[in-house]
């Protein structure tokens, strides 16, 4: 489970600062023993986004991975950082874009060196009554994997809906993906064939 607050802060009339922090809560099943449950490595990212009246919005900034895992099996045990970028295009009922980052470890003696890519394209097509169709696969690559066996490439999508409880707006979605490529280690698959992602967001519009 990811707890993921996204907060936009206006710096000037022409520049927006958007912070996005991922706090993962992980349950890792272990064969023959109790599951490991705890918090993984926290990943804050900051984007500087020039304000634009056009259909295309661009942002860029740094991303950081903090070795905050409560168990060594739930994190990298390394400090990592790298560049991040985001692009969003909107026209009519269509909203599409992509988030990209790559991180490298720079501190910490335990664990293995980190060199990892994340690409998250997303497409939303808005329908009537707050419903929408969505696909937002999270494509990753572990560049340290031998023989290019570190890729995860999901294919799929789902649907979602904007709604209110009282005066509070929410956004909920459900997606399913088939993992066309999965990372392997010593011939063993490290991930299942199917990923299901459920998401619930509480929305706090700026200026409310």
Protein backbone atom coordinates (compact mmCIF):
# COMPACT_ATOMS: atom_id res chain seq x y z
CA UNK A 1 0.00 0.00 0.00
CA UNK A 2 1.31 3.44 -0.97
CA UNK A 3 0.42 6.57 0.99
CA UNK A 4 1.09 9.28 -1.57
CA UNK A 5 0.30 12.95 -0.79
CA UNK A 6 0.67 15.36 -3.72
CA UNK A 7 0.76 19.05 -2.76
CA UNK A 8 0.99 22.00 -5.20
CA UNK A 9 2.42 25.23 -3.80
CA UNK A 10 2.44 28.49 -5.81
CA UNK A 11 5.90 30.11 -5.68
CA UNK A 12 5.20 33.00 -8.04
CA UNK A 13 2.55 33.93 -10.57
CA UNK A 14 4.54 31.99 -13.16
CA UNK A 15 5.94 29.05 -11.18
CA UNK A 16 4.39 26.19 -9.21
CA UNK A 17 6.17 23.81 -6.81
CA UNK A 18 4.61 20.33 -6.66
CA UNK A 19 5.75 17.88 -3.98
CA UNK A 20 4.95 14.17 -4.34
CA UNK A 21 5.95 11.77 -1.56
CA UNK A 22 5.49 7.99 -1.59
CA UNK A 23 5.38 6.18 1.76
CA UNK A 24 5.09 2.41 1.05
CA UNK A 25 3.55 0.04 3.58
CA UNK A 26 4.66 -3.48 2.60
CA UNK A 27 3.68 -7.03 3.49
CA UNK A 28 6.28 -9.47 2.16
CA UNK A 29 5.32 -13.16 2.36
CA UNK A 30 8.15 -15.47 3.41
CA UNK A 31 8.06 -19.21 2.89
CA UNK A 32 8.14 -21.18 6.15
CA UNK A 33 8.08 -18.15 8.45
CA UNK A 34 6.00 -15.13 9.42
CA UNK A 35 5.45 -12.40 6.84
CA UNK A 36 7.52 -9.24 7.09
CA UNK A 37 5.28 -6.17 7.48
CA UNK A 38 6.45 -2.58 7.76
CA UNK A 39 7.31 0.69 6.06
CA UNK A 40 9.59 0.68 3.02
CA UNK A 41 11.92 3.36 1.69
CA UNK A 42 10.24 6.80 1.54
CA UNK A 43 10.49 8.53 -1.85
CA UNK A 44 9.92 12.34 -1.98
CA UNK A 45 9.98 14.12 -5.35
CA UNK A 46 9.76 17.87 -6.05
CA UNK A 47 8.73 19.31 -9.43
CA UNK A 48 9.08 22.91 -10.58
CA UNK A 49 6.20 23.52 -13.00
CA UNK A 50 6.01 26.74 -15.05
CA UNK A 51 2.42 27.94 -15.22
CA UNK A 52 0.95 27.71 -18.71
CA UNK A 53 -2.41 28.36 -20.34
CA UNK A 54 -1.60 25.83 -23.06
CA UNK A 55 -2.59 22.21 -23.32
CA UNK A 56 0.90 20.94 -22.38
CA UNK A 57 2.34 21.27 -18.87
CA UNK A 58 5.95 20.33 -18.10
CA UNK A 59 7.78 19.91 -14.81
CA UNK A 60 11.19 18.77 -13.59
CA UNK A 61 13.07 18.37 -10.34
CA UNK A 62 14.95 15.97 -8.05
CA UNK A 63 13.76 12.71 -6.51
CA UNK A 64 15.23 11.15 -3.37
CA UNK A 65 14.94 7.67 -1.82
CA UNK A 66 15.42 7.62 1.95
CA UNK A 67 16.50 4.25 3.50
CA UNK A 68 13.65 4.35 6.02
CA UNK A 69 12.57 0.70 5.79
CA UNK A 70 11.65 -0.83 9.13
CA UNK A 71 13.16 -4.17 8.02
CA UNK A 72 16.19 -4.82 5.81
CA UNK A 73 14.04 -6.99 3.50
CA UNK A 74 11.69 -4.09 2.74
CA UNK A 75 14.19 -1.56 1.37
CA UNK A 76 17.48 -0.96 -0.40
CA UNK A 77 19.43 0.20 2.71
CA UNK A 78 20.92 2.91 0.48
CA UNK A 79 20.38 6.63 -0.03
CA UNK A 80 19.53 7.24 -3.69
CA UNK A 81 18.67 10.25 -5.82
CA UNK A 82 18.25 11.35 -9.40
CA UNK A 83 16.36 13.57 -11.85
CA UNK A 84 12.60 13.40 -12.42
CA UNK A 85 10.37 14.86 -15.09
CA UNK A 86 6.65 15.01 -15.80
CA UNK A 87 4.56 16.04 -18.81
CA UNK A 88 0.75 16.40 -18.93
CA UNK A 89 -1.33 17.08 -22.05
CA UNK A 90 -5.06 17.78 -21.92
CA UNK A 91 -7.61 18.32 -24.67
CA UNK A 92 -11.33 17.93 -24.17
CA UNK A 93 -12.09 14.69 -22.31
CA UNK A 94 -8.51 13.40 -22.79
CA UNK A 95 -5.69 13.80 -20.26
CA UNK A 96 -2.40 12.07 -21.06
CA UNK A 97 1.16 12.32 -19.90
CA UNK A 98 4.23 10.63 -18.48
CA UNK A 99 6.34 10.64 -15.34
CA UNK A 100 9.99 9.53 -15.58
CA UNK A 101 12.84 9.27 -13.11
CA UNK A 102 16.12 7.42 -12.65
CA UNK A 103 17.86 7.01 -9.30
CA UNK A 104 21.41 6.06 -8.33
CA UNK A 105 22.62 5.18 -4.83
CA UNK A 106 25.18 7.58 -3.37
CA UNK A 107 25.47 6.61 0.31
CA UNK A 108 25.08 3.60 2.58
CA UNK A 109 27.29 0.55 2.89
CA UNK A 110 24.66 -2.18 3.33
CA UNK A 111 22.54 -3.65 0.56
CA UNK A 112 23.39 -3.52 -3.14
CA UNK A 113 24.10 -0.49 -5.36
CA UNK A 114 20.97 1.07 -6.86
CA UNK A 115 20.50 2.16 -10.47
CA UNK A 116 16.80 2.08 -11.34
CA UNK A 117 14.50 3.60 -13.94
CA UNK A 118 10.76 4.33 -13.54
CA UNK A 119 8.44 5.30 -16.39
CA UNK A 120 4.72 5.87 -15.73
CA UNK A 121 2.68 6.86 -18.79
CA UNK A 122 -0.96 7.68 -18.08
CA UNK A 123 -4.08 8.21 -20.17
CA UNK A 124 -7.45 9.30 -18.76
CA UNK A 125 -10.56 9.56 -20.92
CA UNK A 126 -13.39 11.30 -19.08
CA UNK A 127 -16.94 10.02 -19.46
CA UNK A 128 -20.30 11.23 -18.13
CA UNK A 129 -21.30 11.41 -14.43
CA UNK A 130 -17.70 11.55 -13.17
CA UNK A 131 -16.65 8.20 -14.68
CA UNK A 132 -13.44 7.79 -16.67
CA UNK A 133 -11.28 5.17 -18.35
CA UNK A 134 -7.64 4.98 -17.30
CA UNK A 135 -4.35 3.25 -17.97
CA UNK A 136 -1.25 4.13 -15.92
CA UNK A 137 1.24 1.22 -15.98
CA UNK A 138 4.39 1.56 -13.87
CA UNK A 139 7.32 0.41 -16.02
CA UNK A 140 10.58 -0.17 -14.15
CA UNK A 141 14.08 -1.35 -14.92
CA UNK A 142 16.82 -2.41 -12.53
CA UNK A 143 19.93 -1.55 -14.54
CA UNK A 144 22.10 -3.59 -12.16
CA UNK A 145 20.32 -6.85 -13.15
CA UNK A 146 22.49 -9.24 -15.18
CA UNK A 147 21.57 -9.72 -18.85
CA UNK A 148 18.82 -7.12 -18.95
CA UNK A 149 16.54 -9.24 -16.73
CA UNK A 150 15.42 -6.33 -14.54
CA UNK A 151 12.48 -5.01 -16.57
CA UNK A 152 8.85 -4.92 -15.43
CA UNK A 153 6.44 -3.99 -18.24
CA UNK A 154 2.71 -4.07 -17.34
CA UNK A 155 -0.06 -3.92 -19.97
CA UNK A 156 -3.64 -3.10 -19.01
CA UNK A 157 -5.88 -0.45 -17.49
CA UNK A 158 -9.22 0.07 -15.81
CA UNK A 159 -11.79 2.66 -14.80
CA UNK A 160 -12.48 5.22 -12.11
CA UNK A 161 -14.93 7.79 -10.85
CA UNK A 162 -14.95 11.21 -9.20
CA UNK A 163 -17.56 11.53 -6.43
CA UNK A 164 -18.37 13.39 -3.24
CA UNK A 165 -19.10 12.38 0.32
CA UNK A 166 -20.77 15.45 1.74
CA UNK A 167 -18.70 18.38 0.46
CA UNK A 168 -15.46 16.35 0.21
CA UNK A 169 -14.48 15.25 -3.33
CA UNK A 170 -12.81 11.86 -3.87
CA UNK A 171 -11.26 10.04 -6.80
CA UNK A 172 -11.32 6.23 -6.89
CA UNK A 173 -9.97 3.88 -9.56
CA UNK A 174 -9.31 0.19 -10.18
CA UNK A 175 -6.81 -1.17 -12.73
CA UNK A 176 -5.50 -4.61 -13.72
CA UNK A 177 -2.28 -5.34 -15.60
CA UNK A 178 -0.61 -8.34 -17.20
CA UNK A 179 3.14 -8.16 -16.68
CA UNK A 180 4.52 -8.80 -20.17
CA UNK A 181 8.07 -8.61 -18.80
CA UNK A 182 9.09 -9.50 -15.25
CA UNK A 183 12.44 -9.35 -13.44
CA UNK A 184 14.27 -12.62 -12.87
CA UNK A 185 17.09 -13.72 -10.58
CA UNK A 186 18.89 -17.03 -11.03
CA UNK A 187 16.09 -18.12 -13.36
CA UNK A 188 13.33 -17.37 -10.85
CA UNK A 189 10.55 -14.84 -11.53
CA UNK A 190 10.53 -12.11 -8.87
CA UNK A 191 7.02 -10.89 -9.61
CA UNK A 192 3.61 -12.37 -10.43
CA UNK A 193 1.99 -12.37 -13.86
CA UNK A 194 -0.85 -10.04 -12.82
CA UNK A 195 -0.88 -6.76 -10.89
CA UNK A 196 -4.12 -5.23 -9.54
CA UNK A 197 -4.04 -1.63 -8.32
CA UNK A 198 -6.82 0.06 -6.33
CA UNK A 199 -6.52 3.76 -5.57
CA UNK A 200 -8.49 6.24 -3.46
CA UNK A 201 -7.67 9.96 -3.33
CA UNK A 202 -9.15 12.72 -1.19
CA UNK A 203 -9.01 15.95 -3.20
CA UNK A 204 -8.47 19.42 -1.71
CA UNK A 205 -8.81 21.94 -4.56
CA UNK A 206 -6.56 25.02 -4.41
CA UNK A 207 -8.51 28.09 -3.38
CA UNK A 208 -11.19 26.13 -1.59
